[in-house]
């Protein structure tokens, strides 16, 4: 399996987070409606998915090009505070300051010469600091500069108000005013996102990119019919994820939600994430659109390898079957690409 980066540029807000398992699911729908996309039907592609996945998709991460190289803003590893700094517990004021700093510093930058060698030297960033790095120096009028100082957020979460309309009468109907809101998030103008993709040797990366282009044109996730989830695909390049991590690793930093296999890791640090999945496309309006919930380790998890065999493949995790009563053959991506890191000194 080879690993690549697909760059995407958001053209709208998103009502569904750009997580790896959801991106994989919508990519599979592209294969359902166009068996020629990957040169095989979706049943053939998933026939050996339990042992040999045809594609593994990461969550989306903000990126910046620096001195001809890419930098990636990754989620801070889900590790105890002691792994990042020496906490001064004897000084209560300093201890609280450190904890507050860690709570707000949710990002790390890797790439462009920065590797995840030492967890204590990651250089944690809060949203305002990351915004300055990615957006560059302010430009424009004094009003625009003042607005930027007040709204230093790489991702803005907000509720978009709507009203229920009867499409036959083009009015709000007998119930009258019926407002509701949709939670969505939008990236700052000019933002670029990186999606790490692992492709089986039988799959060409251009085929995967074509699937992503269609997703961007039609809209990704919830409320795509109202204009959300639009993006365009930029460049594609091959990457060695090991080049972003430690040269002497003993653990894996995950780039997407995953379900780790039993007995493969001696220690695991992660935030639990429950995927309450539902079918897409026409099945979203069926009598049974919901899938069985799946408990996963969210992206940013760190798994300490029990043996060196954990690094034999560029991905870890396992496939999840039995998630759907409507489509018995449906699977959930429980695999994740990873960056090798070192936990023990």
Protein backbone atom coordinates (compact mmCIF):
# COMPACT_ATOMS: atom_id res chain seq x y z
CA UNK A 1 0.00 0.00 0.00
CA UNK A 2 1.25 3.46 -0.96
CA UNK A 3 0.29 6.61 0.93
CA UNK A 4 -0.63 9.96 -0.62
CA UNK A 5 -1.85 13.43 0.23
CA UNK A 6 -4.91 14.84 -1.51
CA UNK A 7 -5.29 18.58 -1.08
CA UNK A 8 -8.80 19.99 -0.95
CA UNK A 9 -10.04 23.57 -0.78
CA UNK A 10 -13.36 24.17 1.02
CA UNK A 11 -15.94 26.11 -0.98
CA UNK A 12 -18.67 26.11 1.69
CA UNK A 13 -19.36 25.17 5.28
CA UNK A 14 -19.71 21.57 6.44
CA UNK A 15 -22.53 20.08 8.50
CA UNK A 16 -20.70 16.75 8.78
CA UNK A 17 -17.15 16.66 10.20
CA UNK A 18 -14.50 15.53 7.71
CA UNK A 19 -13.57 12.33 9.53
CA UNK A 20 -11.86 9.41 7.86
CA UNK A 21 -14.60 6.80 8.28
CA UNK A 22 -17.28 9.13 6.84
CA UNK A 23 -15.07 10.12 3.89
CA UNK A 24 -14.46 6.43 3.22
CA UNK A 25 -18.20 5.72 3.31
CA UNK A 26 -19.03 8.40 0.78
CA UNK A 27 -16.16 7.24 -1.43
CA UNK A 28 -17.74 3.77 -1.41
CA UNK A 29 -21.02 5.28 -2.62
CA UNK A 30 -19.14 6.63 -5.62
CA UNK A 31 -18.06 3.06 -6.41
CA UNK A 32 -21.63 1.80 -5.98
CA UNK A 33 -22.98 4.08 -8.71
CA UNK A 34 -19.94 3.87 -10.97
CA UNK A 35 -18.32 0.40 -10.94
CA UNK A 36 -15.86 1.71 -13.53
CA UNK A 37 -14.42 4.22 -11.09
CA UNK A 38 -12.11 1.63 -9.51
CA UNK A 39 -12.50 -0.98 -12.23
CA UNK A 40 -14.51 -3.27 -9.94
CA UNK A 41 -17.85 -3.41 -8.17
CA UNK A 42 -18.16 -2.38 -4.55
CA UNK A 43 -18.75 -6.04 -3.60
CA UNK A 44 -15.46 -7.02 -5.20
CA UNK A 45 -13.63 -4.15 -3.54
CA UNK A 46 -14.93 -5.15 -0.11
CA UNK A 47 -14.58 -8.92 -0.59
CA UNK A 48 -11.21 -9.02 1.24
CA UNK A 49 -11.61 -5.78 3.19
CA UNK A 50 -11.25 -7.59 6.53
CA UNK A 51 -7.63 -8.48 5.78
CA UNK A 52 -6.56 -6.26 2.87
CA UNK A 53 -8.38 -2.90 2.53
CA UNK A 54 -8.44 -1.34 -0.93
CA UNK A 55 -8.23 2.18 0.53
CA UNK A 56 -7.74 3.79 3.94
CA UNK A 57 -8.76 7.44 4.34
CA UNK A 58 -7.68 9.81 7.11
CA UNK A 59 -9.57 12.73 8.58
CA UNK A 60 -8.93 16.15 7.03
CA UNK A 61 -6.22 18.44 8.44
CA UNK A 62 -5.31 22.03 7.75
CA UNK A 63 -2.10 22.48 5.79
CA UNK A 64 0.30 25.20 4.74
CA UNK A 65 3.08 25.26 2.18
CA UNK A 66 6.31 26.53 3.75
CA UNK A 67 9.63 26.87 1.89
CA UNK A 68 8.48 24.44 -0.77
CA UNK A 69 7.35 21.86 1.79
CA UNK A 70 4.00 21.13 3.41
CA UNK A 71 3.21 21.70 7.06
CA UNK A 72 0.22 19.95 8.61
CA UNK A 73 -1.81 21.08 11.61
CA UNK A 74 -2.61 17.84 13.42
CA UNK A 75 -4.66 17.24 16.51
CA UNK A 76 -2.70 17.25 19.74
CA UNK A 77 -2.07 13.63 20.78
CA UNK A 78 -4.54 12.31 23.34
CA UNK A 79 -1.95 11.87 26.05
CA UNK A 80 -1.75 12.83 29.73
CA UNK A 81 -0.45 16.34 30.40
CA UNK A 82 2.73 14.92 31.93
CA UNK A 83 3.78 13.64 28.51
CA UNK A 84 3.98 17.19 27.12
CA UNK A 85 5.57 19.12 29.97
CA UNK A 86 6.83 18.76 33.52
CA UNK A 87 3.89 19.99 35.61
CA UNK A 88 4.82 22.17 38.57
CA UNK A 89 2.38 20.68 41.08
CA UNK A 90 4.10 22.30 44.06
CA UNK A 91 3.21 25.75 42.71
CA UNK A 92 -0.59 25.81 42.45
CA UNK A 93 -0.74 29.02 40.41
CA UNK A 94 1.82 27.79 37.89
CA UNK A 95 0.16 24.37 37.78
CA UNK A 96 -3.21 25.90 36.90
CA UNK A 97 -1.56 28.08 34.25
CA UNK A 98 0.02 25.01 32.66
CA UNK A 99 -3.28 23.11 32.68
CA UNK A 100 -5.08 26.07 31.12
CA UNK A 101 -2.40 26.30 28.43
CA UNK A 102 -2.75 22.60 27.59
CA UNK A 103 -6.52 22.87 27.47
CA UNK A 104 -6.42 25.61 24.82
CA UNK A 105 -3.45 24.24 22.83
CA UNK A 106 -5.20 21.70 20.61
CA UNK A 107 -2.86 21.64 17.60
CA UNK A 108 0.63 20.60 16.60
CA UNK A 109 2.54 21.37 13.41
CA UNK A 110 4.54 18.71 11.59
CA UNK A 111 6.26 18.74 8.22
CA UNK A 112 8.69 21.21 6.65
CA UNK A 113 11.50 19.72 8.70
CA UNK A 114 9.44 19.25 11.90
CA UNK A 115 9.12 15.60 12.95
CA UNK A 116 7.22 14.03 15.84
CA UNK A 117 10.46 12.93 17.49
CA UNK A 118 9.94 14.09 21.07
CA UNK A 119 6.47 14.65 22.50
CA UNK A 120 7.80 17.35 24.81
CA UNK A 121 9.12 19.33 21.83
CA UNK A 122 5.98 19.27 19.69
CA UNK A 123 5.26 22.99 20.03
CA UNK A 124 1.59 23.04 21.01
CA UNK A 125 -0.54 25.76 19.44
CA UNK A 126 -3.91 27.29 20.30
CA UNK A 127 -6.38 28.36 17.62
CA UNK A 128 -5.21 32.04 17.48
CA UNK A 129 -1.54 31.03 17.11
CA UNK A 130 -2.37 28.45 14.45
CA UNK A 131 -4.48 31.02 12.60
CA UNK A 132 -1.50 33.39 12.43
CA UNK A 133 0.72 30.60 11.09
CA UNK A 134 -1.71 29.41 8.42
CA UNK A 135 -3.32 32.69 7.34
CA UNK A 136 -0.11 34.71 7.21
CA UNK A 137 0.26 38.44 7.98
CA UNK A 138 -2.95 40.52 7.88
CA UNK A 139 -3.72 42.54 4.76
CA UNK A 140 -6.47 44.88 3.62
CA UNK A 141 -8.18 47.79 5.33
CA UNK A 142 -7.90 48.71 8.99
CA UNK A 143 -11.44 47.39 9.50
CA UNK A 144 -10.50 44.00 8.03
CA UNK A 145 -7.40 43.83 10.23
CA UNK A 146 -9.43 44.70 13.33
CA UNK A 147 -12.02 42.07 12.45
CA UNK A 148 -9.31 39.47 12.02
CA UNK A 149 -7.86 40.27 15.46
CA UNK A 150 -11.26 39.59 17.00
CA UNK A 151 -11.98 36.39 15.10
CA UNK A 152 -8.76 34.40 15.10
CA UNK A 153 -10.30 30.98 14.54
CA UNK A 154 -9.15 28.38 12.03
CA UNK A 155 -12.58 26.74 12.22
CA UNK A 156 -15.77 28.57 13.18
CA UNK A 157 -18.68 26.56 14.56
CA UNK A 158 -22.13 28.10 14.38
CA UNK A 159 -25.83 27.33 14.01
CA UNK A 160 -27.38 28.28 10.67
CA UNK A 161 -31.09 29.20 11.07
CA UNK A 162 -33.66 27.79 8.64
CA UNK A 163 -37.41 27.72 8.30
CA UNK A 164 -39.67 24.86 7.26
CA UNK A 165 -41.30 25.52 3.90
CA UNK A 166 -44.17 23.70 2.22
CA UNK A 167 -42.83 23.24 -1.33
CA UNK A 168 -46.35 22.83 -2.76
CA UNK A 169 -47.61 26.18 -1.51
CA UNK A 170 -44.21 27.86 -1.15
CA UNK A 171 -45.27 29.07 2.31
CA UNK A 172 -44.63 27.98 5.88
CA UNK A 173 -47.96 26.12 5.85
CA UNK A 174 -50.67 25.82 8.45
CA UNK A 175 -48.22 25.56 11.31
CA UNK A 176 -46.89 28.99 10.44
CA UNK A 177 -43.38 29.98 11.42
CA UNK A 178 -41.38 26.76 12.03
CA UNK A 179 -37.71 27.63 12.51
CA UNK A 180 -34.87 25.19 13.07
CA UNK A 181 -31.10 25.38 12.94
CA UNK A 182 -28.32 23.26 11.47
CA UNK A 183 -24.96 23.05 13.19
CA UNK A 184 -22.10 23.58 10.78
CA UNK A 185 -18.47 24.64 10.75
CA UNK A 186 -16.53 26.72 8.28
CA UNK A 187 -12.81 27.11 7.69
CA UNK A 188 -11.13 30.48 7.37
CA UNK A 189 -10.97 31.96 3.82
CA UNK A 190 -8.22 30.47 1.70
CA UNK A 191 -7.80 27.43 3.91
CA UNK A 192 -6.40 24.23 2.42
CA UNK A 193 -6.96 20.77 3.86
CA UNK A 194 -4.90 17.63 3.52
CA UNK A 195 -6.39 14.15 3.44
CA UNK A 196 -3.94 11.28 3.81
CA UNK A 197 -4.92 8.28 1.71
CA UNK A 198 -3.54 4.76 1.65
CA UNK A 199 -4.18 3.05 -1.70
CA UNK A 200 -3.87 -0.66 -2.43
CA UNK A 201 -1.54 -1.55 -5.28
CA UNK A 202 -4.55 -2.50 -7.42
CA UNK A 203 -6.02 1.02 -7.02
CA UNK A 204 -4.66 4.10 -8.80
CA UNK A 205 -4.59 7.31 -6.76
CA UNK A 206 -6.15 9.18 -9.69
CA UNK A 207 -9.21 6.95 -9.33
CA UNK A 208 -9.52 7.95 -5.68
CA UNK A 209 -9.00 11.63 -6.58
CA UNK A 210 -11.79 11.34 -9.17
CA UNK A 211 -14.10 10.03 -6.45
CA UNK A 212 -13.20 12.97 -4.21
CA UNK A 213 -13.83 15.43 -7.04
CA UNK A 214 -17.34 14.07 -7.45
CA UNK A 215 -17.89 14.31 -3.71
CA UNK A 216 -16.80 17.95 -3.79
CA UNK A 217 -19.11 18.77 -6.68
CA UNK A 218 -22.17 17.03 -5.20
CA UNK A 219 -21.48 17.96 -1.59
CA UNK A 220 -20.19 15.96 1.34
CA UNK A 221 -22.35 14.82 4.21
CA UNK A 222 -25.44 16.33 5.71
CA UNK A 223 -27.42 19.05 3.89
CA UNK A 224 -25.40 18.72 0.69
CA UNK A 225 -28.65 19.53 -1.18
CA UNK A 226 -28.66 22.99 0.41
CA UNK A 227 -25.11 23.81 -0.70
CA UNK A 228 -23.04 22.50 2.21
CA UNK A 229 -20.05 20.18 1.93
CA UNK A 230 -18.63 21.66 -1.28
CA UNK A 231 -14.90 21.56 -2.00
CA UNK A 232 -12.48 21.25 -4.88
CA UNK A 233 -9.53 18.90 -5.14
CA UNK A 234 -6.08 20.41 -5.61
CA UNK A 235 -2.74 18.66 -5.83
CA UNK A 236 -1.90 15.01 -5.21
CA UNK A 237 1.48 13.78 -4.03
CA UNK A 238 2.98 10.63 -2.59
CA UNK A 239 4.21 10.82 1.00
CA UNK A 240 6.10 8.60 3.39
CA UNK A 241 4.34 9.08 6.74
CA UNK A 242 7.37 7.64 8.52
CA UNK A 243 9.28 10.77 7.45
CA UNK A 244 6.97 12.83 9.71
CA UNK A 245 7.64 10.71 12.77
CA UNK A 246 10.39 9.20 14.87
CA UNK A 247 13.31 7.31 13.40
CA UNK A 248 13.13 4.89 16.33
CA UNK A 249 9.39 4.49 17.01
CA UNK A 250 7.58 2.41 19.58
CA UNK A 251 4.05 3.81 19.13
CA UNK A 252 1.54 4.89 16.48
CA UNK A 253 -0.18 8.29 16.28
CA UNK A 254 -3.45 7.78 14.38
CA UNK A 255 -4.73 10.08 11.63
CA UNK A 256 -8.36 8.95 11.73
CA UNK A 257 -10.90 7.18 13.94
CA UNK A 258 -10.09 3.50 14.27
CA UNK A 259 -10.88 0.25 16.06
CA UNK A 260 -7.58 -1.19 17.33
CA UNK A 261 -7.24 -4.99 17.19
CA UNK A 262 -6.97 -6.96 20.40
CA UNK A 263 -3.53 -7.67 21.88
CA UNK A 264 -1.62 -5.62 19.28
CA UNK A 265 -0.70 -2.80 21.68
CA UNK A 266 0.62 -2.74 25.23
CA UNK A 267 -0.81 0.70 26.09
CA UNK A 268 -3.45 2.86 24.43
CA UNK A 269 -4.18 6.57 24.88
CA UNK A 270 -7.28 7.85 23.12
CA UNK A 271 -10.56 9.74 23.34
CA UNK A 272 -13.54 7.39 22.82
CA UNK A 273 -15.65 8.29 19.81
CA UNK A 274 -19.02 6.65 19.15
CA UNK A 275 -20.09 6.59 15.52
CA UNK A 276 -23.88 6.64 15.35
CA UNK A 277 -23.82 5.90 11.64
CA UNK A 278 -26.60 6.06 9.14
CA UNK A 279 -26.89 5.13 5.51
CA UNK A 280 -26.43 7.72 2.81
CA UNK A 281 -28.00 8.32 -0.56
CA UNK A 282 -31.53 6.88 -1.08
CA UNK A 283 -31.23 4.69 2.04
CA UNK A 284 -31.09 7.85 4.16
CA UNK A 285 -34.85 8.17 3.54
CA UNK A 286 -35.65 4.47 3.98
CA UNK A 287 -37.59 2.90 6.85
CA UNK A 288 -34.35 1.86 8.56
CA UNK A 289 -31.57 4.35 7.76
CA UNK A 290 -29.60 3.86 10.97
CA UNK A 291 -26.60 1.62 11.54
CA UNK A 292 -25.53 -0.01 14.78
CA UNK A 293 -23.30 2.30 16.86
CA UNK A 294 -19.56 1.64 16.77
CA UNK A 295 -17.19 2.73 19.55
CA UNK A 296 -13.89 3.91 18.09
CA UNK A 297 -10.70 5.63 19.17
CA UNK A 298 -10.81 9.15 17.76
CA UNK A 299 -8.00 10.56 15.63
CA UNK A 300 -4.98 11.70 17.61
CA UNK A 301 -4.80 8.45 19.58
CA UNK A 302 -1.42 7.01 20.55
CA UNK A 303 -1.00 3.23 20.70
CA UNK A 304 2.19 1.76 22.14
CA UNK A 305 3.15 -1.28 20.08
CA UNK A 306 3.44 -4.64 21.82
CA UNK A 307 5.80 -5.89 19.08
CA UNK A 308 7.56 -4.48 16.04
CA UNK A 309 4.94 -6.15 13.82
CA UNK A 310 2.69 -3.12 14.36
CA UNK A 311 4.90 -1.17 11.94
CA UNK A 312 4.80 -3.72 9.12
CA UNK A 313 1.94 -1.88 7.38
CA UNK A 314 1.20 1.84 6.94
CA UNK A 315 -2.15 1.39 8.68
CA UNK A 316 -3.48 -0.14 11.89
CA UNK A 317 -6.93 -1.11 13.11
CA UNK A 318 -9.59 -3.46 11.85
CA UNK A 319 -12.69 -3.50 9.67
CA UNK A 320 -16.09 -3.53 11.34
CA UNK A 321 -18.91 -5.62 9.90
CA UNK A 322 -22.44 -6.30 11.14
CA UNK A 323 -23.25 -2.59 11.36
CA UNK A 324 -26.33 -2.63 9.15
CA UNK A 325 -29.56 -4.61 9.08
CA UNK A 326 -30.54 -3.05 5.75
CA UNK A 327 -27.26 -3.98 3.98
CA UNK A 328 -25.67 -7.01 5.67
CA UNK A 329 -22.45 -6.56 3.69
CA UNK A 330 -21.88 -2.96 4.83
CA UNK A 331 -18.59 -2.17 6.60
CA UNK A 332 -17.26 0.66 8.71
CA UNK A 333 -13.67 1.80 8.24
CA UNK A 334 -11.97 0.83 11.47
CA UNK A 335 -8.53 1.29 9.90
CA UNK A 336 -6.34 4.34 10.29
CA UNK A 337 -3.10 5.53 8.78
CA UNK A 338 -0.55 6.53 11.40
CA UNK A 339 2.66 8.42 12.07
CA UNK A 340 5.27 6.40 13.98
CA UNK A 341 6.29 8.15 17.22
CA UNK A 342 8.35 7.35 20.28
CA UNK A 343 6.81 7.33 23.73
CA UNK A 344 9.63 5.95 25.87
CA UNK A 345 12.93 7.78 26.25
